[in-house]
Amino acid sequence: MKNPKITINRLAIRLQGIDADLARAAVAGLGEELLVKLAEQQSLFTTGEIIDIESINLSNIKYTKEQQSHQLRSAIASALTGEIVQRVRGSKIVETGHVTSAGE
């Protein structure tokens, strides 16, 4: 069984007002955190599916000075997961021509 493959050609993350060391620590391990969050959405993906995303430009992520790097990393990974899921769902609607409601 072949796992789905997701390719993101360009990812823009802007961290304003955050210490450089905190920013580096937050993005270290981001890939692993993203994989965990996407695994929680695995029913959305088809075996062997290839998903190409040209670019993702994240909007503002709420962050407070009291948060630590792992909390910021989790917030970034959640925002990325949301963008990926939204695009995958959107592409499946286009492919099938079928729109489902949230309760369906």
N, C-alpha and C. Protein backbone atom coordinates (compact mmCIF):
# COMPACT_ATOMS: atom_id res chain seq x y z
N MET A 1 0.86 -1.18 0.00
CA MET A 1 0.00 0.00 0.00
C MET A 1 0.90 1.24 0.00
N LYS A 2 0.68 2.08 -0.98
CA LYS A 2 1.51 3.27 -1.15
C LYS A 2 0.87 4.47 -0.45
N ASN A 3 1.69 5.14 0.37
CA ASN A 3 1.20 6.32 1.09
C ASN A 3 0.96 7.49 0.15
N PRO A 4 0.04 8.38 0.52
CA PRO A 4 -0.14 9.60 -0.28
C PRO A 4 1.13 10.44 -0.22
N LYS A 5 1.34 11.24 -1.26
CA LYS A 5 2.52 12.12 -1.30
C LYS A 5 2.02 13.56 -1.47
N ILE A 6 2.52 14.43 -0.61
CA ILE A 6 2.16 15.85 -0.69
C ILE A 6 3.43 16.63 -0.97
N THR A 7 3.39 17.43 -2.02
CA THR A 7 4.52 18.29 -2.38
C THR A 7 4.07 19.74 -2.29
N ILE A 8 4.81 20.53 -1.53
CA ILE A 8 4.56 21.97 -1.44
C ILE A 8 5.78 22.65 -2.05
N ASN A 9 5.58 23.35 -3.15
CA ASN A 9 6.71 23.97 -3.85
C ASN A 9 7.22 25.23 -3.16
N ARG A 10 6.33 25.97 -2.52
CA ARG A 10 6.75 27.21 -1.85
C ARG A 10 5.91 27.39 -0.60
N LEU A 11 6.59 27.65 0.50
CA LEU A 11 5.93 27.87 1.78
C LEU A 11 6.44 29.18 2.37
N ALA A 12 5.53 30.11 2.63
CA ALA A 12 5.92 31.39 3.22
C ALA A 12 5.37 31.47 4.64
N ILE A 13 6.28 31.65 5.57
CA ILE A 13 5.91 31.84 6.97
C ILE A 13 6.61 33.11 7.44
N ARG A 14 5.83 34.08 7.88
CA ARG A 14 6.41 35.31 8.39
C ARG A 14 6.20 35.36 9.89
N LEU A 15 7.29 35.51 10.61
CA LEU A 15 7.22 35.57 12.06
C LEU A 15 7.66 36.97 12.49
N GLN A 16 6.71 37.82 12.78
CA GLN A 16 7.02 39.19 13.15
C GLN A 16 6.98 39.35 14.66
N GLY A 17 7.96 40.09 15.18
CA GLY A 17 8.00 40.36 16.61
C GLY A 17 8.40 39.18 17.45
N ILE A 18 9.00 38.18 16.83
CA ILE A 18 9.42 36.98 17.55
C ILE A 18 10.94 36.90 17.51
N ASP A 19 11.53 36.62 18.64
CA ASP A 19 12.97 36.48 18.76
C ASP A 19 13.49 35.44 17.75
N ALA A 20 14.63 35.71 17.14
CA ALA A 20 15.19 34.83 16.11
C ALA A 20 15.44 33.42 16.64
N ASP A 21 15.93 33.29 17.87
CA ASP A 21 16.18 31.96 18.44
C ASP A 21 14.88 31.19 18.63
N LEU A 22 13.84 31.89 19.08
CA LEU A 22 12.53 31.26 19.25
C LEU A 22 11.98 30.81 17.90
N ALA A 23 12.14 31.66 16.89
CA ALA A 23 11.66 31.31 15.54
C ALA A 23 12.38 30.07 15.01
N ARG A 24 13.70 30.02 15.17
CA ARG A 24 14.46 28.85 14.72
C ARG A 24 14.01 27.59 15.46
N ALA A 25 13.83 27.71 16.75
CA ALA A 25 13.39 26.56 17.54
C ALA A 25 11.99 26.12 17.15
N ALA A 26 11.15 27.07 16.80
CA ALA A 26 9.77 26.75 16.43
C ALA A 26 9.69 25.99 15.11
N VAL A 27 10.53 26.35 14.15
CA VAL A 27 10.46 25.66 12.86
C VAL A 27 11.27 24.37 12.83
N ALA A 28 12.17 24.19 13.80
CA ALA A 28 12.88 22.91 13.91
C ALA A 28 11.87 21.84 14.30
N GLY A 29 11.80 20.80 13.52
CA GLY A 29 10.84 19.74 13.81
C GLY A 29 9.45 20.01 13.27
N LEU A 30 9.30 21.07 12.49
CA LEU A 30 7.99 21.40 11.94
C LEU A 30 7.45 20.30 11.02
N GLY A 31 8.35 19.68 10.25
CA GLY A 31 7.93 18.60 9.36
C GLY A 31 7.30 17.44 10.11
N GLU A 32 7.92 17.05 11.20
CA GLU A 32 7.39 15.94 11.99
C GLU A 32 6.04 16.29 12.61
N GLU A 33 5.94 17.51 13.11
CA GLU A 33 4.68 17.97 13.71
C GLU A 33 3.57 17.99 12.65
N LEU A 34 3.92 18.43 11.44
CA LEU A 34 2.94 18.48 10.36
C LEU A 34 2.47 17.07 9.98
N LEU A 35 3.40 16.12 9.94
CA LEU A 35 3.03 14.74 9.63
C LEU A 35 2.05 14.17 10.65
N VAL A 36 2.28 14.47 11.92
CA VAL A 36 1.37 13.99 12.97
C VAL A 36 -0.03 14.57 12.75
N LYS A 37 -0.11 15.85 12.47
CA LYS A 37 -1.41 16.50 12.29
C LYS A 37 -2.10 16.01 11.02
N LEU A 38 -1.34 15.78 9.95
CA LEU A 38 -1.95 15.26 8.72
C LEU A 38 -2.42 13.82 8.91
N ALA A 39 -1.71 13.05 9.72
CA ALA A 39 -2.12 11.66 9.99
C ALA A 39 -3.49 11.63 10.65
N GLU A 40 -3.81 12.66 11.42
CA GLU A 40 -5.12 12.75 12.06
C GLU A 40 -6.23 12.96 11.03
N GLN A 41 -5.85 13.36 9.82
CA GLN A 41 -6.80 13.62 8.73
C GLN A 41 -6.72 12.54 7.65
N GLN A 42 -6.14 11.40 7.96
CA GLN A 42 -5.82 10.42 6.94
C GLN A 42 -7.03 9.94 6.14
N SER A 43 -8.23 10.00 6.68
CA SER A 43 -9.41 9.55 5.93
C SER A 43 -9.67 10.44 4.71
N LEU A 44 -9.09 11.61 4.69
CA LEU A 44 -9.26 12.54 3.57
C LEU A 44 -8.42 12.13 2.37
N PHE A 45 -7.34 11.40 2.61
CA PHE A 45 -6.39 11.08 1.55
C PHE A 45 -6.62 9.68 1.00
N THR A 46 -6.35 9.53 -0.29
CA THR A 46 -6.49 8.26 -0.98
C THR A 46 -5.11 7.60 -1.07
N THR A 47 -5.08 6.29 -0.93
CA THR A 47 -3.82 5.55 -1.04
C THR A 47 -3.15 5.86 -2.37
N GLY A 48 -1.87 6.20 -2.32
CA GLY A 48 -1.10 6.48 -3.53
C GLY A 48 -1.38 7.84 -4.16
N GLU A 49 -2.23 8.62 -3.55
CA GLU A 49 -2.59 9.93 -4.09
C GLU A 49 -1.37 10.86 -4.10
N ILE A 50 -1.24 11.63 -5.16
CA ILE A 50 -0.17 12.63 -5.25
C ILE A 50 -0.83 14.00 -5.24
N ILE A 51 -0.43 14.83 -4.28
CA ILE A 51 -1.02 16.15 -4.11
C ILE A 51 0.09 17.17 -4.31
N ASP A 52 -0.05 18.00 -5.34
CA ASP A 52 0.93 19.06 -5.60
C ASP A 52 0.31 20.40 -5.24
N ILE A 53 0.96 21.11 -4.35
CA ILE A 53 0.50 22.44 -3.94
C ILE A 53 1.58 23.42 -4.36
N GLU A 54 1.22 24.38 -5.20
CA GLU A 54 2.20 25.33 -5.71
C GLU A 54 2.78 26.18 -4.58
N SER A 55 1.91 26.79 -3.76
CA SER A 55 2.43 27.62 -2.67
C SER A 55 1.40 27.74 -1.56
N ILE A 56 1.90 27.96 -0.37
CA ILE A 56 1.07 28.25 0.80
C ILE A 56 1.65 29.49 1.45
N ASN A 57 0.80 30.45 1.68
CA ASN A 57 1.20 31.68 2.35
C ASN A 57 0.30 31.80 3.58
N LEU A 58 0.84 31.47 4.73
CA LEU A 58 0.03 31.46 5.96
C LEU A 58 -0.35 32.87 6.38
N SER A 59 -1.57 33.00 6.84
CA SER A 59 -2.01 34.28 7.38
C SER A 59 -1.47 34.40 8.81
N ASN A 60 -1.89 35.40 9.51
CA ASN A 60 -1.41 35.63 10.88
C ASN A 60 -1.76 34.46 11.79
N ILE A 61 -0.81 34.10 12.62
CA ILE A 61 -1.01 33.07 13.62
C ILE A 61 -0.92 33.76 14.97
N LYS A 62 -1.93 33.55 15.79
CA LYS A 62 -1.94 34.19 17.10
C LYS A 62 -0.85 33.58 17.98
N TYR A 63 -0.10 34.46 18.61
CA TYR A 63 1.01 34.03 19.45
C TYR A 63 1.18 35.04 20.57
N THR A 64 1.41 34.54 21.76
CA THR A 64 1.68 35.44 22.89
C THR A 64 3.10 35.22 23.36
N LYS A 65 3.66 36.22 23.97
CA LYS A 65 5.06 36.16 24.44
C LYS A 65 5.29 35.04 25.45
N GLU A 66 4.23 34.61 26.12
CA GLU A 66 4.38 33.56 27.14
C GLU A 66 4.51 32.17 26.53
N GLN A 67 4.15 32.02 25.26
CA GLN A 67 4.21 30.70 24.64
C GLN A 67 5.66 30.31 24.35
N GLN A 68 5.87 29.01 24.30
CA GLN A 68 7.20 28.49 24.01
C GLN A 68 7.27 27.99 22.58
N SER A 69 8.46 27.61 22.14
CA SER A 69 8.67 27.24 20.74
C SER A 69 7.79 26.08 20.30
N HIS A 70 7.60 25.08 21.17
CA HIS A 70 6.78 23.93 20.76
C HIS A 70 5.31 24.34 20.56
N GLN A 71 4.86 25.34 21.29
CA GLN A 71 3.48 25.82 21.12
C GLN A 71 3.35 26.59 19.81
N LEU A 72 4.35 27.39 19.48
CA LEU A 72 4.34 28.11 18.21
C LEU A 72 4.44 27.12 17.05
N ARG A 73 5.30 26.10 17.18
CA ARG A 73 5.43 25.07 16.15
C ARG A 73 4.10 24.38 15.92
N SER A 74 3.41 24.05 16.99
CA SER A 74 2.11 23.39 16.89
C SER A 74 1.09 24.29 16.19
N ALA A 75 1.12 25.58 16.50
CA ALA A 75 0.19 26.52 15.86
C ALA A 75 0.48 26.64 14.37
N ILE A 76 1.76 26.67 14.00
CA ILE A 76 2.12 26.74 12.58
C ILE A 76 1.69 25.47 11.87
N ALA A 77 1.96 24.31 12.48
CA ALA A 77 1.58 23.03 11.87
C ALA A 77 0.07 22.92 11.73
N SER A 78 -0.68 23.42 12.70
CA SER A 78 -2.15 23.40 12.61
C SER A 78 -2.63 24.27 11.46
N ALA A 79 -2.03 25.44 11.31
CA ALA A 79 -2.41 26.34 10.21
C ALA A 79 -2.08 25.70 8.86
N LEU A 80 -0.90 25.07 8.76
CA LEU A 80 -0.53 24.39 7.52
C LEU A 80 -1.47 23.24 7.21
N THR A 81 -1.79 22.45 8.23
CA THR A 81 -2.71 21.33 8.04
C THR A 81 -4.05 21.84 7.54
N GLY A 82 -4.55 22.91 8.13
CA GLY A 82 -5.82 23.48 7.69
C GLY A 82 -5.79 23.89 6.23
N GLU A 83 -4.71 24.52 5.80
CA GLU A 83 -4.57 24.93 4.40
C GLU A 83 -4.52 23.72 3.48
N ILE A 84 -3.74 22.71 3.84
CA ILE A 84 -3.63 21.51 3.01
C ILE A 84 -4.97 20.79 2.91
N VAL A 85 -5.63 20.61 4.04
CA VAL A 85 -6.93 19.93 4.05
C VAL A 85 -7.94 20.70 3.19
N GLN A 86 -7.96 22.00 3.34
CA GLN A 86 -8.89 22.83 2.55
C GLN A 86 -8.63 22.65 1.05
N ARG A 87 -7.39 22.63 0.66
CA ARG A 87 -7.06 22.48 -0.77
C ARG A 87 -7.37 21.09 -1.28
N VAL A 88 -7.10 20.07 -0.47
CA VAL A 88 -7.41 18.70 -0.88
C VAL A 88 -8.92 18.53 -1.03
N ARG A 89 -9.67 19.02 -0.07
CA ARG A 89 -11.14 18.94 -0.17
C ARG A 89 -11.64 19.70 -1.38
N GLY A 90 -11.09 20.87 -1.63
CA GLY A 90 -11.48 21.67 -2.78
C GLY A 90 -11.19 20.97 -4.09
N SER A 91 -10.04 20.31 -4.19
CA SER A 91 -9.69 19.61 -5.43
C SER A 91 -10.58 18.40 -5.64
N LYS A 92 -11.01 17.76 -4.56
CA LYS A 92 -11.88 16.59 -4.70
C LYS A 92 -13.28 17.01 -5.14
N ILE A 93 -13.73 18.17 -4.71
CA ILE A 93 -15.02 18.68 -5.16
C ILE A 93 -14.95 18.98 -6.64
N VAL A 94 -13.86 19.58 -7.10
CA VAL A 94 -13.69 19.89 -8.51
C VAL A 94 -13.64 18.61 -9.34
N GLU A 95 -12.90 17.61 -8.86
CA GLU A 95 -12.76 16.35 -9.59
C GLU A 95 -14.09 15.62 -9.73
N THR A 96 -14.87 15.58 -8.65
CA THR A 96 -16.11 14.80 -8.67
C THR A 96 -17.32 15.62 -9.09
N GLY A 97 -17.21 16.93 -8.96
CA GLY A 97 -18.35 17.79 -9.24
C GLY A 97 -19.42 17.69 -8.17
N HIS A 98 -19.10 17.07 -7.06
CA HIS A 98 -20.07 16.83 -5.98
C HIS A 98 -19.66 17.65 -4.76
N VAL A 99 -20.57 18.43 -4.27
CA VAL A 99 -20.33 19.21 -3.06
C VAL A 99 -21.07 18.54 -1.92
N THR A 100 -20.35 18.28 -0.82
CA THR A 100 -21.00 17.65 0.34
C THR A 100 -21.12 18.66 1.44
N SER A 101 -22.13 18.49 2.26
CA SER A 101 -22.28 19.38 3.41
C SER A 101 -21.43 18.84 4.55
N ALA A 102 -21.21 19.67 5.55
CA ALA A 102 -20.37 19.26 6.69
C ALA A 102 -20.94 18.05 7.40
N GLY A 103 -22.23 17.90 7.41
CA GLY A 103 -22.86 16.79 8.11
C GLY A 103 -23.01 15.53 7.29
N GLU A 104 -22.63 15.57 6.01
CA GLU A 104 -22.82 14.44 5.13
C GLU A 104 -21.79 13.35 5.30
